[in-house]
Amino acid sequence: MASTRTPVSQISRYSNGSTHSPAFTLSRADTISSCSSDTPTVPPAVYHTRQQIQEDQLAEFFGASRKSRALAAASPSYSSDKDFQLPAYESNAEPMTLARFMFIYGFIFPPFWIMGIVIRFSELRPTEEWEVGKSEDEKVRLLEEMRKTEVKWANRCIYALLTLITIIVVIVMAVVVTKRRS
């Protein structure tokens, strides 16, 4: 197929009156051949800035349920293969626990952090009606998952309370030192 490119010497005036040539021209053959590729293309790698990764780590610490961008890859290209199976997506959201609420609401009323710390040292006991339709193995697995989540949020309550106490001590010491100097 012959190329239909126009040489620069044959370019006439465009409708706006300029005589410059376009930055590039494509022939019909170039356009068709670039769109009809039979080989599947590999998706490009995804790059994230250091700030985006730090924001993800901070969001993960405070309980965000999304996955880290650092481990993400570009979306796979669509395939026309009939045997191609999409991955099964499951919810990996952690259960809502009392310790999580104590941590979050502790920023408004810090004594909630103390109650969250108490949860860390208490035993998690389900009621009789808890998860009636589940088998014993599922109940044990769910109970272990909930306890793991409770401990994680209770530990965060400890860290938040210790941080608050440290800030208060530093402020009090700074005030006392400045009062003595005056």
N, C-alpha and C. Protein backbone atom coordinates (compact mmCIF):
# COMPACT_ATOMS: atom_id res chain seq x y z
N MET A 1 0.86 -1.17 0.00
CA MET A 1 0.00 0.00 0.00
C MET A 1 0.90 1.23 0.00
N ALA A 2 0.62 2.15 -0.84
CA ALA A 2 1.46 3.34 -0.98
C ALA A 2 1.15 4.34 0.11
N SER A 3 2.17 5.06 0.50
CA SER A 3 2.01 6.06 1.54
C SER A 3 1.35 7.30 0.97
N THR A 4 0.51 7.94 1.76
CA THR A 4 -0.19 9.13 1.30
C THR A 4 0.33 10.37 2.00
N ARG A 5 1.57 10.35 2.43
CA ARG A 5 2.14 11.51 3.11
C ARG A 5 2.39 12.63 2.10
N THR A 6 2.20 13.83 2.57
CA THR A 6 2.40 15.00 1.72
C THR A 6 3.77 15.60 2.00
N PRO A 7 4.61 15.73 0.98
CA PRO A 7 5.92 16.36 1.22
C PRO A 7 5.74 17.81 1.65
N VAL A 8 6.72 18.31 2.39
CA VAL A 8 6.65 19.66 2.91
C VAL A 8 6.60 20.67 1.77
N SER A 9 7.25 20.41 0.69
CA SER A 9 7.28 21.37 -0.42
C SER A 9 5.92 21.52 -1.07
N GLN A 10 5.03 20.55 -0.95
CA GLN A 10 3.72 20.61 -1.60
C GLN A 10 2.63 21.12 -0.67
N ILE A 11 2.95 21.48 0.56
CA ILE A 11 1.93 21.94 1.50
C ILE A 11 1.49 23.34 1.09
N SER A 12 0.21 23.51 0.92
CA SER A 12 -0.34 24.83 0.57
C SER A 12 -0.79 25.52 1.84
N ARG A 13 -1.34 26.69 1.68
CA ARG A 13 -1.84 27.43 2.83
C ARG A 13 -3.03 26.70 3.45
N TYR A 14 -3.03 26.65 4.79
CA TYR A 14 -4.16 26.07 5.51
C TYR A 14 -5.27 27.10 5.61
N SER A 15 -6.41 26.68 6.13
CA SER A 15 -7.56 27.57 6.19
C SER A 15 -7.31 28.79 7.08
N ASN A 16 -6.39 28.69 8.05
CA ASN A 16 -6.13 29.84 8.90
C ASN A 16 -5.03 30.73 8.33
N GLY A 17 -4.51 30.42 7.15
CA GLY A 17 -3.54 31.28 6.48
C GLY A 17 -2.10 30.95 6.78
N SER A 18 -1.81 30.00 7.64
CA SER A 18 -0.41 29.69 7.95
C SER A 18 0.15 28.73 6.91
N THR A 19 1.46 28.77 6.77
CA THR A 19 2.11 27.91 5.79
C THR A 19 2.97 26.84 6.47
N HIS A 20 2.88 26.71 7.78
CA HIS A 20 3.70 25.71 8.45
C HIS A 20 3.14 24.32 8.22
N SER A 21 4.02 23.34 8.29
CA SER A 21 3.59 21.96 8.11
C SER A 21 3.17 21.40 9.46
N PRO A 22 2.27 20.44 9.48
CA PRO A 22 1.88 19.85 10.75
C PRO A 22 3.07 19.12 11.38
N ALA A 23 3.00 18.90 12.69
CA ALA A 23 4.10 18.26 13.41
C ALA A 23 4.34 16.84 12.91
N PHE A 24 3.29 16.15 12.48
CA PHE A 24 3.45 14.81 11.92
C PHE A 24 2.24 14.53 11.07
N THR A 25 2.38 13.59 10.16
CA THR A 25 1.26 13.14 9.36
C THR A 25 1.26 11.63 9.38
N LEU A 26 0.10 11.06 9.32
CA LEU A 26 -0.03 9.62 9.29
C LEU A 26 -0.66 9.21 7.97
N SER A 27 -0.15 8.14 7.45
CA SER A 27 -0.80 7.60 6.27
C SER A 27 -1.90 6.67 6.71
N ARG A 28 -2.79 6.33 5.82
CA ARG A 28 -3.87 5.42 6.13
C ARG A 28 -3.30 4.05 6.52
N ALA A 29 -2.24 3.65 5.86
CA ALA A 29 -1.63 2.35 6.15
C ALA A 29 -1.04 2.34 7.56
N ASP A 30 -0.43 3.45 7.99
CA ASP A 30 0.13 3.51 9.34
C ASP A 30 -0.96 3.38 10.39
N THR A 31 -2.09 4.02 10.15
CA THR A 31 -3.18 4.00 11.11
C THR A 31 -3.79 2.61 11.22
N ILE A 32 -4.02 1.96 10.11
CA ILE A 32 -4.63 0.63 10.12
C ILE A 32 -3.69 -0.39 10.76
N SER A 33 -2.42 -0.35 10.39
CA SER A 33 -1.51 -1.36 10.92
C SER A 33 -1.30 -1.20 12.43
N SER A 34 -1.38 0.01 12.95
CA SER A 34 -1.17 0.20 14.38
C SER A 34 -2.37 -0.26 15.20
N CYS A 35 -3.56 -0.36 14.58
CA CYS A 35 -4.75 -0.76 15.31
C CYS A 35 -5.03 -2.25 15.22
N SER A 36 -4.38 -2.95 14.31
CA SER A 36 -4.72 -4.36 14.10
C SER A 36 -3.59 -5.26 14.55
N SER A 37 -3.21 -5.16 15.79
CA SER A 37 -2.16 -6.00 16.33
C SER A 37 -2.78 -7.24 16.95
N ASP A 38 -2.28 -8.42 16.58
CA ASP A 38 -2.81 -9.66 17.12
C ASP A 38 -2.10 -10.09 18.40
N THR A 39 -0.93 -9.55 18.66
CA THR A 39 -0.20 -9.94 19.86
C THR A 39 -0.70 -9.12 21.04
N PRO A 40 -0.94 -9.80 22.17
CA PRO A 40 -1.38 -9.05 23.36
C PRO A 40 -0.25 -8.19 23.90
N THR A 41 -0.60 -7.04 24.38
CA THR A 41 0.40 -6.13 24.93
C THR A 41 0.45 -6.27 26.44
N VAL A 42 1.62 -6.16 26.99
CA VAL A 42 1.81 -6.23 28.43
C VAL A 42 1.51 -4.86 29.01
N PRO A 43 0.68 -4.79 30.05
CA PRO A 43 0.37 -3.47 30.63
C PRO A 43 1.63 -2.85 31.23
N PRO A 44 1.72 -1.52 31.14
CA PRO A 44 2.91 -0.86 31.68
C PRO A 44 2.91 -0.91 33.20
N ALA A 45 4.08 -0.80 33.77
CA ALA A 45 4.20 -0.75 35.23
C ALA A 45 3.63 0.56 35.75
N VAL A 46 3.13 0.56 36.94
CA VAL A 46 2.55 1.76 37.53
C VAL A 46 3.58 2.36 38.48
N TYR A 47 3.82 3.64 38.33
CA TYR A 47 4.78 4.32 39.19
C TYR A 47 4.05 5.33 40.06
N HIS A 48 4.43 5.39 41.33
CA HIS A 48 3.81 6.31 42.26
C HIS A 48 4.89 7.15 42.93
N THR A 49 4.52 8.35 43.28
CA THR A 49 5.48 9.22 43.95
C THR A 49 5.66 8.78 45.39
N ARG A 50 6.73 9.23 45.98
CA ARG A 50 7.01 8.89 47.38
C ARG A 50 5.90 9.43 48.28
N GLN A 51 5.36 10.60 47.93
CA GLN A 51 4.29 11.19 48.73
C GLN A 51 3.03 10.33 48.69
N GLN A 52 2.68 9.78 47.50
CA GLN A 52 1.51 8.93 47.40
C GLN A 52 1.67 7.67 48.23
N ILE A 53 2.87 7.10 48.24
CA ILE A 53 3.12 5.89 49.02
C ILE A 53 3.04 6.20 50.51
N GLN A 54 3.58 7.36 50.93
CA GLN A 54 3.50 7.74 52.33
C GLN A 54 2.05 7.98 52.75
N GLU A 55 1.26 8.60 51.88
CA GLU A 55 -0.16 8.81 52.18
C GLU A 55 -0.88 7.48 52.33
N ASP A 56 -0.53 6.49 51.49
CA ASP A 56 -1.14 5.17 51.60
C ASP A 56 -0.77 4.51 52.92
N GLN A 57 0.49 4.64 53.33
CA GLN A 57 0.91 4.03 54.58
C GLN A 57 0.20 4.69 55.77
N LEU A 58 0.03 6.00 55.71
CA LEU A 58 -0.67 6.71 56.78
C LEU A 58 -2.15 6.31 56.80
N ALA A 59 -2.76 6.20 55.62
CA ALA A 59 -4.16 5.79 55.55
C ALA A 59 -4.33 4.37 56.05
N GLU A 60 -3.37 3.49 55.77
CA GLU A 60 -3.44 2.12 56.25
C GLU A 60 -3.33 2.07 57.77
N PHE A 61 -2.48 2.92 58.34
CA PHE A 61 -2.34 2.96 59.80
C PHE A 61 -3.65 3.36 60.45
N PHE A 62 -4.36 4.32 59.84
CA PHE A 62 -5.61 4.80 60.43
C PHE A 62 -6.82 3.99 59.98
N GLY A 63 -6.60 2.87 59.32
CA GLY A 63 -7.70 1.95 59.07
C GLY A 63 -8.32 2.02 57.70
N ALA A 64 -7.66 2.60 56.73
CA ALA A 64 -8.22 2.61 55.38
C ALA A 64 -8.25 1.19 54.85
N SER A 65 -9.28 0.84 54.10
CA SER A 65 -9.40 -0.53 53.64
C SER A 65 -8.85 -0.72 52.23
N ARG A 66 -8.37 0.31 51.60
CA ARG A 66 -7.86 0.14 50.24
C ARG A 66 -6.45 -0.42 50.27
N LYS A 67 -6.05 -1.03 49.16
CA LYS A 67 -4.73 -1.63 49.08
C LYS A 67 -3.70 -0.56 48.75
N SER A 68 -2.49 -0.83 49.07
CA SER A 68 -1.40 0.10 48.85
C SER A 68 -1.14 0.28 47.37
N ARG A 69 -0.83 1.52 46.98
CA ARG A 69 -0.48 1.77 45.59
C ARG A 69 0.86 1.17 45.22
N ALA A 70 1.71 0.98 46.21
CA ALA A 70 3.05 0.47 45.93
C ALA A 70 2.97 -0.94 45.33
N LEU A 71 1.96 -1.69 45.68
CA LEU A 71 1.83 -3.05 45.18
C LEU A 71 0.92 -3.14 43.96
N ALA A 72 0.33 -2.02 43.57
CA ALA A 72 -0.63 -2.03 42.47
C ALA A 72 0.07 -2.16 41.13
N ALA A 73 -0.63 -2.70 40.17
CA ALA A 73 -0.13 -2.79 38.81
C ALA A 73 -1.19 -2.19 37.90
N ALA A 74 -0.80 -1.89 36.70
CA ALA A 74 -1.74 -1.33 35.75
C ALA A 74 -2.83 -2.35 35.46
N SER A 75 -3.99 -1.88 35.07
CA SER A 75 -5.10 -2.77 34.76
C SER A 75 -4.71 -3.69 33.61
N PRO A 76 -5.14 -4.94 33.67
CA PRO A 76 -4.80 -5.84 32.57
C PRO A 76 -5.58 -5.47 31.32
N SER A 77 -4.96 -5.69 30.17
CA SER A 77 -5.66 -5.39 28.93
C SER A 77 -6.73 -6.46 28.72
N TYR A 78 -7.77 -6.11 28.02
CA TYR A 78 -8.85 -7.05 27.77
C TYR A 78 -8.42 -8.03 26.70
N SER A 79 -8.82 -9.25 26.87
CA SER A 79 -8.43 -10.30 25.95
C SER A 79 -9.68 -10.88 25.32
N SER A 80 -9.52 -11.35 24.10
CA SER A 80 -10.65 -11.96 23.41
C SER A 80 -10.67 -13.47 23.64
N ASP A 81 -9.74 -13.98 24.44
CA ASP A 81 -9.71 -15.42 24.71
C ASP A 81 -10.94 -15.83 25.49
N LYS A 82 -11.53 -16.94 25.09
CA LYS A 82 -12.74 -17.43 25.77
C LYS A 82 -12.40 -18.07 27.12
N ASP A 83 -11.19 -18.64 27.25
CA ASP A 83 -10.83 -19.32 28.48
C ASP A 83 -10.21 -18.39 29.52
N PHE A 84 -10.16 -17.12 29.23
CA PHE A 84 -9.58 -16.14 30.15
C PHE A 84 -10.55 -15.90 31.29
N GLN A 85 -10.11 -16.10 32.53
CA GLN A 85 -10.95 -15.92 33.70
C GLN A 85 -10.50 -14.69 34.49
N LEU A 86 -11.44 -13.88 34.86
CA LEU A 86 -11.13 -12.74 35.72
C LEU A 86 -10.92 -13.22 37.14
N PRO A 87 -10.08 -12.54 37.90
CA PRO A 87 -9.88 -12.97 39.29
C PRO A 87 -11.13 -12.74 40.12
N ALA A 88 -11.30 -13.56 41.13
CA ALA A 88 -12.44 -13.42 42.03
C ALA A 88 -12.08 -12.37 43.08
N TYR A 89 -12.96 -11.40 43.22
CA TYR A 89 -12.71 -10.34 44.19
C TYR A 89 -13.53 -10.61 45.43
N GLU A 90 -12.86 -10.61 46.57
CA GLU A 90 -13.53 -10.83 47.84
C GLU A 90 -13.34 -9.61 48.72
N SER A 91 -14.26 -9.43 49.61
CA SER A 91 -14.16 -8.32 50.54
C SER A 91 -13.15 -8.66 51.62
N ASN A 92 -12.12 -7.83 51.75
CA ASN A 92 -11.12 -8.03 52.79
C ASN A 92 -11.25 -6.99 53.89
N ALA A 93 -12.42 -6.39 53.98
CA ALA A 93 -12.63 -5.37 55.00
C ALA A 93 -12.64 -6.03 56.37
N GLU A 94 -11.97 -5.40 57.30
CA GLU A 94 -11.93 -5.95 58.65
C GLU A 94 -13.23 -5.63 59.36
N PRO A 95 -13.60 -6.44 60.34
CA PRO A 95 -14.86 -6.21 61.05
C PRO A 95 -14.81 -4.93 61.88
N MET A 96 -15.95 -4.29 62.01
CA MET A 96 -16.05 -3.10 62.86
C MET A 96 -16.07 -3.57 64.31
N THR A 97 -15.15 -3.04 65.09
CA THR A 97 -15.04 -3.47 66.48
C THR A 97 -15.17 -2.28 67.41
N LEU A 98 -15.41 -2.58 68.67
CA LEU A 98 -15.56 -1.54 69.68
C LEU A 98 -14.26 -0.76 69.86
N ALA A 99 -13.14 -1.46 69.82
CA ALA A 99 -11.84 -0.80 69.98
C ALA A 99 -11.59 0.21 68.85
N ARG A 100 -12.06 -0.11 67.66
CA ARG A 100 -11.92 0.83 66.54
C ARG A 100 -12.71 2.11 66.82
N PHE A 101 -13.93 1.95 67.29
CA PHE A 101 -14.73 3.13 67.62
C PHE A 101 -14.10 3.93 68.75
N MET A 102 -13.54 3.23 69.74
CA MET A 102 -12.88 3.93 70.85
C MET A 102 -11.68 4.73 70.33
N PHE A 103 -10.93 4.17 69.40
CA PHE A 103 -9.78 4.89 68.84
C PHE A 103 -10.24 6.13 68.09
N ILE A 104 -11.22 5.99 67.23
CA ILE A 104 -11.68 7.12 66.41
C ILE A 104 -12.30 8.21 67.29
N TYR A 105 -13.20 7.83 68.19
CA TYR A 105 -13.86 8.83 69.02
C TYR A 105 -12.96 9.36 70.13
N GLY A 106 -11.83 8.70 70.36
CA GLY A 106 -10.86 9.18 71.34
C GLY A 106 -10.25 10.51 70.94
N PHE A 107 -10.25 10.84 69.68
CA PHE A 107 -9.75 12.14 69.24
C PHE A 107 -10.69 13.27 69.69
N ILE A 108 -11.94 12.94 69.91
CA ILE A 108 -12.90 13.92 70.41
C ILE A 108 -12.91 13.93 71.94
N PHE A 109 -12.87 12.73 72.54
CA PHE A 109 -12.92 12.58 73.99
C PHE A 109 -11.86 11.54 74.38
N PRO A 110 -10.63 11.99 74.72
CA PRO A 110 -9.51 11.08 74.96
C PRO A 110 -9.73 9.96 75.98
N PRO A 111 -10.61 10.08 76.98
CA PRO A 111 -10.83 8.91 77.86
C PRO A 111 -11.33 7.66 77.13
N PHE A 112 -11.87 7.83 75.92
CA PHE A 112 -12.26 6.65 75.13
C PHE A 112 -11.03 5.79 74.83
N TRP A 113 -9.86 6.39 74.70
CA TRP A 113 -8.65 5.62 74.45
C TRP A 113 -8.36 4.70 75.64
N ILE A 114 -8.64 5.16 76.84
CA ILE A 114 -8.43 4.32 78.03
C ILE A 114 -9.37 3.12 77.97
N MET A 115 -10.61 3.36 77.55
CA MET A 115 -11.56 2.25 77.41
C MET A 115 -11.09 1.29 76.30
N GLY A 116 -10.50 1.81 75.25
CA GLY A 116 -9.95 0.95 74.19
C GLY A 116 -8.79 0.12 74.69
N ILE A 117 -7.99 0.69 75.60
CA ILE A 117 -6.86 -0.06 76.18
C ILE A 117 -7.39 -1.19 77.06
N VAL A 118 -8.48 -0.96 77.77
CA VAL A 118 -9.08 -2.01 78.60
C VAL A 118 -9.54 -3.17 77.72
N ILE A 119 -10.04 -2.88 76.55
CA ILE A 119 -10.47 -3.93 75.62
C ILE A 119 -9.29 -4.82 75.24
N ARG A 120 -8.10 -4.23 75.17
CA ARG A 120 -6.88 -4.99 74.82
C ARG A 120 -6.64 -6.12 75.81
N PHE A 121 -6.94 -5.90 77.06
CA PHE A 121 -6.65 -6.88 78.09
C PHE A 121 -7.86 -7.72 78.51
N SER A 122 -9.00 -7.47 77.89
CA SER A 122 -10.19 -8.26 78.24
C SER A 122 -10.35 -9.41 77.24
N GLU A 123 -11.12 -10.40 77.62
CA GLU A 123 -11.35 -11.57 76.78
C GLU A 123 -12.55 -11.33 75.89
N LEU A 124 -12.45 -11.74 74.65
CA LEU A 124 -13.56 -11.59 73.70
C LEU A 124 -14.43 -12.84 73.78
N ARG A 125 -15.66 -12.68 74.27
CA ARG A 125 -16.57 -13.80 74.40
C ARG A 125 -17.84 -13.51 73.61
N PRO A 126 -18.19 -14.36 72.66
CA PRO A 126 -19.41 -14.13 71.88
C PRO A 126 -20.65 -14.55 72.66
N THR A 127 -21.80 -14.02 72.25
CA THR A 127 -23.07 -14.40 72.87
C THR A 127 -23.55 -15.73 72.28
N GLU A 128 -24.60 -16.28 72.84
CA GLU A 128 -25.14 -17.56 72.36
C GLU A 128 -25.67 -17.45 70.93
N GLU A 129 -26.27 -16.32 70.58
CA GLU A 129 -26.90 -16.15 69.27
C GLU A 129 -25.92 -15.70 68.19
N TRP A 130 -24.66 -15.55 68.54
CA TRP A 130 -23.69 -14.99 67.59
C TRP A 130 -23.47 -15.95 66.44
N GLU A 131 -23.68 -15.45 65.21
CA GLU A 131 -23.45 -16.21 63.97
C GLU A 131 -24.10 -17.59 64.03
N VAL A 132 -25.42 -17.61 64.15
CA VAL A 132 -26.17 -18.86 64.31
C VAL A 132 -25.99 -19.80 63.12
N GLY A 133 -25.97 -19.29 61.91
CA GLY A 133 -25.92 -20.14 60.73
C GLY A 133 -24.54 -20.65 60.36
N LYS A 134 -23.52 -20.34 61.13
CA LYS A 134 -22.15 -20.71 60.79
C LYS A 134 -21.75 -22.02 61.47
N SER A 135 -20.79 -22.71 60.85
CA SER A 135 -20.25 -23.92 61.47
C SER A 135 -19.27 -23.51 62.56
N GLU A 136 -18.86 -24.49 63.37
CA GLU A 136 -17.95 -24.20 64.48
C GLU A 136 -16.60 -23.71 63.97
N ASP A 137 -16.11 -24.27 62.86
CA ASP A 137 -14.83 -23.83 62.30
C ASP A 137 -14.90 -22.38 61.85
N GLU A 138 -16.01 -22.03 61.20
CA GLU A 138 -16.18 -20.64 60.76
C GLU A 138 -16.28 -19.69 61.94
N LYS A 139 -16.98 -20.12 62.99
CA LYS A 139 -17.11 -19.29 64.18
C LYS A 139 -15.74 -19.04 64.82
N VAL A 140 -14.93 -20.08 64.90
CA VAL A 140 -13.59 -19.95 65.49
C VAL A 140 -12.74 -19.01 64.64
N ARG A 141 -12.80 -19.18 63.32
CA ARG A 141 -12.03 -18.31 62.42
C ARG A 141 -12.47 -16.86 62.54
N LEU A 142 -13.79 -16.63 62.56
CA LEU A 142 -14.30 -15.26 62.70
C LEU A 142 -13.92 -14.65 64.05
N LEU A 143 -13.97 -15.46 65.10
CA LEU A 143 -13.61 -14.98 66.43
C LEU A 143 -12.13 -14.61 66.49
N GLU A 144 -11.28 -15.42 65.87
CA GLU A 144 -9.85 -15.11 65.84
C GLU A 144 -9.58 -13.84 65.04
N GLU A 145 -10.29 -13.69 63.92
CA GLU A 145 -10.13 -12.49 63.10
C GLU A 145 -10.59 -11.24 63.86
N MET A 146 -11.71 -11.36 64.57
CA MET A 146 -12.20 -10.22 65.34
C MET A 146 -11.25 -9.87 66.47
N ARG A 147 -10.69 -10.88 67.14
CA ARG A 147 -9.76 -10.62 68.24
C ARG A 147 -8.50 -9.95 67.71
N LYS A 148 -8.02 -10.40 66.56
CA LYS A 148 -6.83 -9.80 65.95
C LYS A 148 -7.10 -8.32 65.64
N THR A 149 -8.28 -8.04 65.11
CA THR A 149 -8.65 -6.66 64.79
C THR A 149 -8.80 -5.83 66.07
N GLU A 150 -9.43 -6.41 67.09
CA GLU A 150 -9.59 -5.70 68.38
C GLU A 150 -8.23 -5.33 68.96
N VAL A 151 -7.28 -6.27 68.94
CA VAL A 151 -5.95 -6.02 69.50
C VAL A 151 -5.24 -4.92 68.71
N LYS A 152 -5.39 -4.96 67.40
CA LYS A 152 -4.75 -3.94 66.57
C LYS A 152 -5.25 -2.54 66.93
N TRP A 153 -6.58 -2.39 67.04
CA TRP A 153 -7.14 -1.08 67.36
C TRP A 153 -6.88 -0.69 68.81
N ALA A 154 -6.83 -1.66 69.70
CA ALA A 154 -6.51 -1.35 71.10
C ALA A 154 -5.07 -0.87 71.21
N ASN A 155 -4.17 -1.48 70.45
CA ASN A 155 -2.78 -1.01 70.43
C ASN A 155 -2.69 0.42 69.91
N ARG A 156 -3.50 0.74 68.95
CA ARG A 156 -3.53 2.12 68.43
C ARG A 156 -4.04 3.08 69.50
N CYS A 157 -4.97 2.62 70.32
CA CYS A 157 -5.43 3.45 71.44
C CYS A 157 -4.28 3.71 72.41
N ILE A 158 -3.47 2.69 72.67
CA ILE A 158 -2.31 2.86 73.56
C ILE A 158 -1.36 3.89 72.98
N TYR A 159 -1.03 3.75 71.68
CA TYR A 159 -0.11 4.70 71.04
C TYR A 159 -0.66 6.12 71.06
N ALA A 160 -1.96 6.27 70.81
CA ALA A 160 -2.56 7.60 70.80
C ALA A 160 -2.52 8.23 72.20
N LEU A 161 -2.84 7.44 73.22
CA LEU A 161 -2.83 7.96 74.59
C LEU A 161 -1.41 8.33 75.02
N LEU A 162 -0.45 7.48 74.70
CA LEU A 162 0.95 7.79 75.04
C LEU A 162 1.42 9.05 74.32
N THR A 163 1.02 9.21 73.08
CA THR A 163 1.38 10.43 72.33
C THR A 163 0.76 11.66 72.98
N LEU A 164 -0.50 11.57 73.36
CA LEU A 164 -1.17 12.70 74.02
C LEU A 164 -0.49 13.04 75.34
N ILE A 165 -0.17 12.03 76.14
CA ILE A 165 0.50 12.28 77.41
C ILE A 165 1.86 12.92 77.18
N THR A 166 2.60 12.43 76.19
CA THR A 166 3.91 13.01 75.88
C THR A 166 3.79 14.47 75.47
N ILE A 167 2.81 14.78 74.65
CA ILE A 167 2.61 16.18 74.23
C ILE A 167 2.27 17.05 75.42
N ILE A 168 1.41 16.57 76.30
CA ILE A 168 1.03 17.35 77.49
C ILE A 168 2.24 17.58 78.39
N VAL A 169 3.05 16.54 78.60
CA VAL A 169 4.24 16.67 79.45
C VAL A 169 5.22 17.68 78.85
N VAL A 170 5.42 17.62 77.55
CA VAL A 170 6.34 18.56 76.89
C VAL A 170 5.82 20.00 77.02
N ILE A 171 4.54 20.19 76.83
CA ILE A 171 3.97 21.54 76.95
C ILE A 171 4.10 22.05 78.39
N VAL A 172 3.79 21.21 79.38
CA VAL A 172 3.89 21.62 80.79
C VAL A 172 5.33 21.95 81.13
N MET A 173 6.27 21.11 80.70
CA MET A 173 7.68 21.38 80.98
C MET A 173 8.14 22.69 80.33
N ALA A 174 7.68 22.95 79.12
CA ALA A 174 8.06 24.18 78.44
C ALA A 174 7.51 25.40 79.18
N VAL A 175 6.28 25.30 79.65
CA VAL A 175 5.68 26.41 80.41
C VAL A 175 6.43 26.63 81.71
N VAL A 176 6.74 25.57 82.43
CA VAL A 176 7.46 25.69 83.71
C VAL A 176 8.83 26.29 83.50
N VAL A 177 9.55 25.85 82.48
CA VAL A 177 10.89 26.38 82.21
C VAL A 177 10.82 27.85 81.84
N THR A 178 9.87 28.27 81.05
CA THR A 178 9.76 29.67 80.67
C THR A 178 9.32 30.53 81.86
N LYS A 179 8.51 30.01 82.77
CA LYS A 179 8.09 30.77 83.96
C LYS A 179 9.27 30.96 84.92
N ARG A 180 10.15 29.98 85.07
CA ARG A 180 11.30 30.09 85.95
C ARG A 180 12.31 31.12 85.43
N ARG A 181 12.42 31.20 84.11
CA ARG A 181 13.38 32.16 83.53
C ARG A 181 12.89 33.59 83.64
N SER A 182 11.59 33.79 83.77
CA SER A 182 11.09 35.17 83.83
C SER A 182 11.14 35.77 85.19
